[in-house]
Amino acid sequence: MSELIQVQNVSKSYWRDSFEIPVLNNLSLSVKQGEFMALMGPSGSGKTTLLNLIAGIDKPSSGKVFVSGTEISNLGESSLAKWRANNIGFIFQFYNLIPVLTAFENVELPLLLTKLSKEERKKHVENVLNIVGLGNHMQHYPKQLSGGQEQRVAIARAVVTDPVLLVADEPTGDLDRNSATEILTLLERLNKEFNKTIVMVTHDPHAAERASVVRHLEKGDLVGA
């Protein structure tokens, strides 16, 4: 398997007034195409910061980040926004669905930025909602769905553009154990059946068990193998 992601000697600091707060320390990491990687570590270890750098939401203070051969760490803001839209599917802890839109409309949103026709968009949306098991809930609004179902809609929205990479930040953090298990099974299926590369931040060992590779962060450093 070829390397999809290469993080090379990346450091990241934030500034609060005149104080520099280091978050990542000269960190290097690679993720292979088709891998399901879990990033674990205590709160404040830099997991989400690393995920944001890989997804092009943030930029490193130093070092380089490559995804599919593109050095995203030196792209301008408009190029980066376009790159994210074409390459990354985001899954968040709190779903980030728009309450006044149906499940269908929420999933269709990323496709409105493409050149697909209305009929083509409809096919894509129906296909992914069927994959996540919500074919019968397309016209439901978020408030009519359970937390697990809302996260399924969010996952459908993340994959509808067929991105090269799925990034998930605590995707089961707001769910009960049964719903969490269903979501993890779905992510595992997207990885194994559809060959989706997934990088997931989690503090839950049960969630990390589903990943093919687990890496641990502590105070901005990767620890262990």
C-alpha atoms as a PDB file:
ATOM      1  CA  MET A   1       0.000   0.000   0.000  1.00  0.00           C
ATOM      2  CA  SER A   2       1.285   3.444  -0.871  1.00  0.00           C
ATOM      3  CA  GLU A   3       1.436   6.245   1.661  1.00  0.00           C
ATOM      4  CA  LEU A   4      -1.536   8.579   1.397  1.00  0.00           C
ATOM      5  CA  ILE A   5      -0.472  10.929   4.199  1.00  0.00           C
ATOM      6  CA  GLN A   6       3.013  12.038   5.144  1.00  0.00           C
ATOM      7  CA  VAL A   7       3.548  14.354   8.105  1.00  0.00           C
ATOM      8  CA  GLN A   8       7.191  15.416   8.110  1.00  0.00           C
ATOM      9  CA  ASN A   9       8.878  17.014  11.134  1.00  0.00           C
ATOM     10  CA  VAL A  10       5.795  19.028  12.013  1.00  0.00           C
ATOM     11  CA  SER A  11       5.643  21.379  14.964  1.00  0.00           C
ATOM     12  CA  LYS A  12       2.649  23.468  15.924  1.00  0.00           C
ATOM     13  CA  SER A  13       2.391  26.228  18.498  1.00  0.00           C
ATOM     14  CA  TYR A  14      -0.359  28.655  19.388  1.00  0.00           C
ATOM     15  CA  TRP A  15       0.092  32.091  20.856  1.00  0.00           C
ATOM     16  CA  ARG A  16      -1.847  33.427  23.815  1.00  0.00           C
ATOM     17  CA  ASP A  17      -0.932  37.079  24.245  1.00  0.00           C
ATOM     18  CA  SER A  18       2.890  36.929  24.206  1.00  0.00           C
ATOM     19  CA  PHE A  19       3.100  33.312  25.385  1.00  0.00           C
ATOM     20  CA  GLU A  20       3.902  30.526  22.952  1.00  0.00           C
ATOM     21  CA  ILE A  21       2.073  27.280  23.699  1.00  0.00           C
ATOM     22  CA  PRO A  22       3.693  24.289  21.945  1.00  0.00           C
ATOM     23  CA  VAL A  23       1.209  21.574  20.916  1.00  0.00           C
ATOM     24  CA  LEU A  24       3.133  19.300  18.512  1.00  0.00           C
ATOM     25  CA  ASN A  25       6.900  18.735  18.675  1.00  0.00           C
ATOM     26  CA  ASN A  26       8.750  17.841  15.465  1.00  0.00           C
ATOM     27  CA  LEU A  27       6.306  15.021  14.778  1.00  0.00           C
ATOM     28  CA  SER A  28       6.438  12.654  11.795  1.00  0.00           C
ATOM     29  CA  LEU A  29       3.687  10.224  10.803  1.00  0.00           C
ATOM     30  CA  SER A  30       2.596   8.302   7.723  1.00  0.00           C
ATOM     31  CA  VAL A  31      -0.773   6.779   6.881  1.00  0.00           C
ATOM     32  CA  LYS A  32      -1.104   4.235   4.091  1.00  0.00           C
ATOM     33  CA  GLN A  33      -3.840   4.246   1.470  1.00  0.00           C
ATOM     34  CA  GLY A  34      -6.776   2.193   2.805  1.00  0.00           C
ATOM     35  CA  GLU A  35      -5.608   2.310   6.420  1.00  0.00           C
ATOM     36  CA  PHE A  36      -7.924   2.925   9.392  1.00  0.00           C
ATOM     37  CA  MET A  37      -5.809   4.759  11.959  1.00  0.00           C
ATOM     38  CA  ALA A  38      -6.870   5.746  15.472  1.00  0.00           C
ATOM     39  CA  LEU A  39      -5.068   8.584  17.231  1.00  0.00           C
ATOM     40  CA  MET A  40      -5.281   8.204  21.005  1.00  0.00           C
ATOM     41  CA  GLY A  41      -4.004  10.211  23.919  1.00  0.00           C
ATOM     42  CA  PRO A  42      -5.061  12.255  26.932  1.00  0.00           C
ATOM     43  CA  SER A  43      -6.815  15.588  26.587  1.00  0.00           C
ATOM     44  CA  GLY A  44      -4.362  18.220  25.416  1.00  0.00           C
ATOM     45  CA  SER A  45      -1.980  15.713  23.809  1.00  0.00           C
ATOM     46  CA  GLY A  46      -2.369  17.263  20.333  1.00  0.00           C
ATOM     47  CA  LYS A  47      -4.662  14.668  18.714  1.00  0.00           C
ATOM     48  CA  THR A  48      -7.191  17.098  17.255  1.00  0.00           C
ATOM     49  CA  THR A  49      -4.450  19.552  16.253  1.00  0.00           C
ATOM     50  CA  LEU A  50      -2.742  16.781  14.276  1.00  0.00           C
ATOM     51  CA  LEU A  51      -6.062  15.786  12.696  1.00  0.00           C
ATOM     52  CA  ASN A  52      -6.715  19.412  11.699  1.00  0.00           C
ATOM     53  CA  LEU A  53      -3.277  19.656  10.063  1.00  0.00           C
ATOM     54  CA  ILE A  54      -3.886  16.443   8.079  1.00  0.00           C
ATOM     55  CA  ALA A  55      -7.314  17.719   6.987  1.00  0.00           C
ATOM     56  CA  GLY A  56      -6.034  21.139   5.927  1.00  0.00           C
ATOM     57  CA  ILE A  57      -8.068  22.989   8.568  1.00  0.00           C
ATOM     58  CA  ASP A  58      -4.896  24.352  10.150  1.00  0.00           C
ATOM     59  CA  LYS A  59      -1.270  24.839   9.098  1.00  0.00           C
ATOM     60  CA  PRO A  60       1.898  23.747  10.901  1.00  0.00           C
ATOM     61  CA  SER A  61       4.281  26.254  12.456  1.00  0.00           C
ATOM     62  CA  SER A  62       7.074  24.262  10.793  1.00  0.00           C
ATOM     63  CA  GLY A  63       7.384  21.054   8.825  1.00  0.00           C
ATOM     64  CA  LYS A  64       5.380  19.702   5.909  1.00  0.00           C
ATOM     65  CA  VAL A  65       2.129  17.796   5.383  1.00  0.00           C
ATOM     66  CA  PHE A  66       1.520  15.830   2.169  1.00  0.00           C
ATOM     67  CA  VAL A  67      -1.778  14.183   1.222  1.00  0.00           C
ATOM     68  CA  SER A  68      -1.946  12.211  -2.052  1.00  0.00           C
ATOM     69  CA  GLY A  69       1.323  13.799  -3.084  1.00  0.00           C
ATOM     70  CA  THR A  70       0.093  17.379  -2.597  1.00  0.00           C
ATOM     71  CA  GLU A  71       1.924  19.501  -0.053  1.00  0.00           C
ATOM     72  CA  ILE A  72      -1.101  21.044   1.633  1.00  0.00           C
ATOM     73  CA  SER A  73       0.954  22.881   4.252  1.00  0.00           C
ATOM     74  CA  ASN A  74       1.972  25.545   1.725  1.00  0.00           C
ATOM     75  CA  LEU A  75      -1.361  26.082  -0.052  1.00  0.00           C
ATOM     76  CA  GLY A  76      -3.072  29.480   0.165  1.00  0.00           C
ATOM     77  CA  GLU A  77      -6.436  29.743   1.933  1.00  0.00           C
ATOM     78  CA  SER A  78      -8.615  29.642  -1.199  1.00  0.00           C
ATOM     79  CA  SER A  79      -6.637  26.737  -2.686  1.00  0.00           C
ATOM     80  CA  LEU A  80      -6.827  24.931   0.631  1.00  0.00           C
ATOM     81  CA  ALA A  81     -10.600  25.388   0.863  1.00  0.00           C
ATOM     82  CA  LYS A  82     -11.016  23.981  -2.636  1.00  0.00           C
ATOM     83  CA  TRP A  83      -8.657  21.096  -1.833  1.00  0.00           C
ATOM     84  CA  ARG A  84     -10.621  20.221   1.345  1.00  0.00           C
ATOM     85  CA  ALA A  85     -13.914  20.220  -0.547  1.00  0.00           C
ATOM     86  CA  ASN A  86     -12.512  17.808  -3.141  1.00  0.00           C
ATOM     87  CA  ASN A  87     -10.516  15.475  -0.905  1.00  0.00           C
ATOM     88  CA  ILE A  88     -11.705  15.376   2.721  1.00  0.00           C
ATOM     89  CA  GLY A  89     -14.826  14.060   4.402  1.00  0.00           C
ATOM     90  CA  PHE A  90     -15.364  15.393   7.936  1.00  0.00           C
ATOM     91  CA  ILE A  91     -17.110  13.530  10.762  1.00  0.00           C
ATOM     92  CA  PHE A  92     -17.536  15.479  14.008  1.00  0.00           C
ATOM     93  CA  GLN A  93     -18.557  14.531  17.534  1.00  0.00           C
ATOM     94  CA  PHE A  94     -21.694  16.701  17.458  1.00  0.00           C
ATOM     95  CA  TYR A  95     -22.790  15.911  13.866  1.00  0.00           C
ATOM     96  CA  ASN A  96     -22.994  19.582  12.687  1.00  0.00           C
ATOM     97  CA  LEU A  97     -26.231  18.961  10.792  1.00  0.00           C
ATOM     98  CA  ILE A  98     -28.407  21.899   9.734  1.00  0.00           C
ATOM     99  CA  PRO A  99     -31.679  21.522  11.686  1.00  0.00           C
ATOM    100  CA  VAL A 100     -33.957  23.110   9.052  1.00  0.00           C
ATOM    101  CA  LEU A 101     -32.793  20.689   6.354  1.00  0.00           C
ATOM    102  CA  THR A 102     -33.894  17.067   5.921  1.00  0.00           C
ATOM    103  CA  ALA A 103     -31.419  14.196   6.026  1.00  0.00           C
ATOM    104  CA  PHE A 104     -31.437  14.201   2.214  1.00  0.00           C
ATOM    105  CA  GLU A 105     -30.772  17.953   2.046  1.00  0.00           C
ATOM    106  CA  ASN A 106     -27.993  17.791   4.642  1.00  0.00           C
ATOM    107  CA  VAL A 107     -26.206  15.067   2.686  1.00  0.00           C
ATOM    108  CA  GLU A 108     -26.726  16.897  -0.616  1.00  0.00           C
ATOM    109  CA  LEU A 109     -25.036  20.083   0.636  1.00  0.00           C
ATOM    110  CA  PRO A 110     -21.438  19.250  -0.418  1.00  0.00           C
ATOM    111  CA  LEU A 111     -22.673  18.257  -3.876  1.00  0.00           C
ATOM    112  CA  LEU A 112     -24.131  21.717  -4.483  1.00  0.00           C
ATOM    113  CA  LEU A 113     -20.535  22.890  -4.967  1.00  0.00           C
ATOM    114  CA  THR A 114     -19.997  20.387  -7.795  1.00  0.00           C
ATOM    115  CA  LYS A 115     -21.104  20.349 -11.427  1.00  0.00           C
ATOM    116  CA  LEU A 116     -23.418  17.379 -10.921  1.00  0.00           C
ATOM    117  CA  SER A 117     -26.965  17.685 -12.231  1.00  0.00           C
ATOM    118  CA  LYS A 118     -29.935  17.549  -9.855  1.00  0.00           C
ATOM    119  CA  GLU A 119     -30.643  13.972 -10.941  1.00  0.00           C
ATOM    120  CA  GLU A 120     -27.018  12.921 -10.430  1.00  0.00           C
ATOM    121  CA  ARG A 121     -26.998  14.522  -6.965  1.00  0.00           C
ATOM    122  CA  LYS A 122     -30.189  12.644  -6.099  1.00  0.00           C
ATOM    123  CA  LYS A 123     -28.605   9.302  -7.075  1.00  0.00           C
ATOM    124  CA  HIS A 124     -25.474   9.999  -5.028  1.00  0.00           C
ATOM    125  CA  VAL A 125     -27.447  11.046  -1.940  1.00  0.00           C
ATOM    126  CA  GLU A 126     -29.861   8.113  -2.090  1.00  0.00           C
ATOM    127  CA  ASN A 127     -26.948   5.712  -2.567  1.00  0.00           C
ATOM    128  CA  VAL A 128     -24.996   6.853   0.496  1.00  0.00           C
ATOM    129  CA  LEU A 129     -28.087   7.117   2.709  1.00  0.00           C
ATOM    130  CA  ASN A 130     -28.867   3.502   1.785  1.00  0.00           C
ATOM    131  CA  ILE A 131     -25.266   2.508   2.602  1.00  0.00           C
ATOM    132  CA  VAL A 132     -25.564   4.029   6.106  1.00  0.00           C
ATOM    133  CA  GLY A 133     -28.953   2.370   6.630  1.00  0.00           C
ATOM    134  CA  LEU A 134     -31.163   5.449   6.416  1.00  0.00           C
ATOM    135  CA  GLY A 135     -32.892   4.892   3.095  1.00  0.00           C
ATOM    136  CA  ASN A 136     -36.255   5.167   4.863  1.00  0.00           C
ATOM    137  CA  HIS A 137     -35.365   8.367   6.722  1.00  0.00           C
ATOM    138  CA  MET A 138     -34.386  10.681   3.872  1.00  0.00           C
ATOM    139  CA  GLN A 139     -37.133  13.221   4.553  1.00  0.00           C
ATOM    140  CA  HIS A 140     -36.664  13.267   8.315  1.00  0.00           C
ATOM    141  CA  TYR A 141     -35.250  16.347  10.009  1.00  0.00           C
ATOM    142  CA  PRO A 142     -32.411  16.011  12.552  1.00  0.00           C
ATOM    143  CA  LYS A 143     -34.784  16.526  15.498  1.00  0.00           C
ATOM    144  CA  GLN A 144     -36.766  13.489  14.304  1.00  0.00           C
ATOM    145  CA  LEU A 145     -33.679  11.257  14.424  1.00  0.00           C
ATOM    146  CA  SER A 146     -31.764   9.604  17.259  1.00  0.00           C
ATOM    147  CA  GLY A 147     -28.169  10.634  17.959  1.00  0.00           C
ATOM    148  CA  GLY A 148     -26.894   7.526  16.200  1.00  0.00           C
ATOM    149  CA  GLN A 149     -29.048   8.262  13.162  1.00  0.00           C
ATOM    150  CA  GLU A 150     -27.846  11.871  13.091  1.00  0.00           C
ATOM    151  CA  GLN A 151     -24.253  10.640  13.058  1.00  0.00           C
ATOM    152  CA  ARG A 152     -25.140   8.295  10.191  1.00  0.00           C
ATOM    153  CA  VAL A 153     -26.450  11.291   8.234  1.00  0.00           C
ATOM    154  CA  ALA A 154     -23.214  13.126   9.023  1.00  0.00           C
ATOM    155  CA  ILE A 155     -21.176  10.147   7.778  1.00  0.00           C
ATOM    156  CA  ALA A 156     -23.280   9.989   4.599  1.00  0.00           C
ATOM    157  CA  ARG A 157     -22.578  13.707   4.072  1.00  0.00           C
ATOM    158  CA  ALA A 158     -18.859  13.056   4.598  1.00  0.00           C
ATOM    159  CA  VAL A 159     -18.654  10.284   1.982  1.00  0.00           C
ATOM    160  CA  VAL A 160     -21.107  11.599  -0.656  1.00  0.00           C
ATOM    161  CA  THR A 161     -18.332  13.366  -2.594  1.00  0.00           C
ATOM    162  CA  ASP A 162     -16.187  10.188  -2.551  1.00  0.00           C
ATOM    163  CA  PRO A 163     -13.279  11.863  -0.718  1.00  0.00           C
ATOM    164  CA  VAL A 164      -9.785  10.341  -0.595  1.00  0.00           C
ATOM    165  CA  LEU A 165      -9.704  10.670   3.189  1.00  0.00           C
ATOM    166  CA  LEU A 166     -12.214  10.574   6.052  1.00  0.00           C
ATOM    167  CA  VAL A 167     -11.242  12.382   9.254  1.00  0.00           C
ATOM    168  CA  ALA A 168     -13.301  11.680  12.361  1.00  0.00           C
ATOM    169  CA  ASP A 169     -12.933  13.648  15.600  1.00  0.00           C
ATOM    170  CA  GLU A 170     -14.421  11.631  18.513  1.00  0.00           C
ATOM    171  CA  PRO A 171     -17.234  10.325  16.243  1.00  0.00           C
ATOM    172  CA  THR A 172     -18.779   8.254  19.065  1.00  0.00           C
ATOM    173  CA  GLY A 173     -18.133  10.722  21.892  1.00  0.00           C
ATOM    174  CA  ASP A 174     -21.761  11.850  22.176  1.00  0.00           C
ATOM    175  CA  LEU A 175     -23.406   8.447  21.709  1.00  0.00           C
ATOM    176  CA  ASP A 176     -24.567   5.635  23.974  1.00  0.00           C
ATOM    177  CA  ARG A 177     -22.674   2.346  23.758  1.00  0.00           C
ATOM    178  CA  ASN A 178     -25.080   0.639  21.322  1.00  0.00           C
ATOM    179  CA  SER A 179     -25.181   3.597  18.937  1.00  0.00           C
ATOM    180  CA  ALA A 180     -21.398   3.966  19.210  1.00  0.00           C
ATOM    181  CA  THR A 181     -20.934   0.310  18.277  1.00  0.00           C
ATOM    182  CA  GLU A 182     -23.155   0.749  15.200  1.00  0.00           C
ATOM    183  CA  ILE A 183     -21.210   3.831  14.083  1.00  0.00           C
ATOM    184  CA  LEU A 184     -17.863   2.059  14.523  1.00  0.00           C
ATOM    185  CA  THR A 185     -19.160  -0.925  12.541  1.00  0.00           C
ATOM    186  CA  LEU A 186     -20.190   1.478   9.778  1.00  0.00           C
ATOM    187  CA  LEU A 187     -16.755   3.138   9.727  1.00  0.00           C
ATOM    188  CA  GLU A 188     -15.129  -0.296   9.635  1.00  0.00           C
ATOM    189  CA  ARG A 189     -17.333  -1.221   6.688  1.00  0.00           C
ATOM    190  CA  LEU A 190     -16.453   1.985   4.814  1.00  0.00           C
ATOM    191  CA  ASN A 191     -12.798   1.143   5.362  1.00  0.00           C
ATOM    192  CA  LYS A 192     -12.943  -2.540   4.378  1.00  0.00           C
ATOM    193  CA  GLU A 193     -15.651  -2.633   1.697  1.00  0.00           C
ATOM    194  CA  PHE A 194     -15.119   0.793   0.121  1.00  0.00           C
ATOM    195  CA  ASN A 195     -11.372   1.118   0.846  1.00  0.00           C
ATOM    196  CA  LYS A 196     -11.809   4.470   2.570  1.00  0.00           C
ATOM    197  CA  THR A 197      -8.740   5.749   4.391  1.00  0.00           C
ATOM    198  CA  ILE A 198      -9.832   6.920   7.845  1.00  0.00           C
ATOM    199  CA  VAL A 199      -7.987   8.851  10.537  1.00  0.00           C
ATOM    200  CA  MET A 200      -9.988   8.923  13.779  1.00  0.00           C
ATOM    201  CA  VAL A 201      -9.278  10.777  17.002  1.00  0.00           C
ATOM    202  CA  THR A 202     -10.680   8.975  20.026  1.00  0.00           C
ATOM    203  CA  HIS A 203     -10.105   8.570  23.748  1.00  0.00           C
ATOM    204  CA  ASP A 204     -12.211   5.376  23.783  1.00  0.00           C
ATOM    205  CA  PRO A 205     -10.237   2.090  23.710  1.00  0.00           C
ATOM    206  CA  HIS A 206     -13.321   0.279  22.369  1.00  0.00           C
ATOM    207  CA  ALA A 207     -13.367   2.629  19.376  1.00  0.00           C
ATOM    208  CA  ALA A 208      -9.624   2.310  18.821  1.00  0.00           C
ATOM    209  CA  GLU A 209      -9.945  -1.487  18.699  1.00  0.00           C
ATOM    210  CA  ARG A 210     -11.777  -1.152  15.372  1.00  0.00           C
ATOM    211  CA  ALA A 211      -8.827   0.581  13.722  1.00  0.00           C
ATOM    212  CA  SER A 212      -6.104  -1.350  11.900  1.00  0.00           C
ATOM    213  CA  VAL A 213      -3.397   0.950  13.338  1.00  0.00           C
ATOM    214  CA  VAL A 214      -3.370   2.792  16.682  1.00  0.00           C
ATOM    215  CA  ARG A 215      -0.930   5.620  17.442  1.00  0.00           C
ATOM    216  CA  HIS A 216      -0.621   7.325  20.818  1.00  0.00           C
ATOM    217  CA  LEU A 217       0.192  10.970  21.465  1.00  0.00           C
ATOM    218  CA  GLU A 218       1.428  12.453  24.718  1.00  0.00           C
ATOM    219  CA  LYS A 219       2.242  16.143  25.103  1.00  0.00           C
ATOM    220  CA  GLY A 220       2.727  16.614  21.374  1.00  0.00           C
ATOM    221  CA  ASP A 221       4.895  13.538  20.770  1.00  0.00           C
ATOM    222  CA  LEU A 222       4.090  10.148  19.247  1.00  0.00           C
ATOM    223  CA  VAL A 223       4.932   7.422  21.751  1.00  0.00           C
ATOM    224  CA  GLY A 224       5.492   3.703  21.254  1.00  0.00           C
ATOM    225  CA  ALA A 225       5.723   1.928  17.914  1.00  0.00           C
END
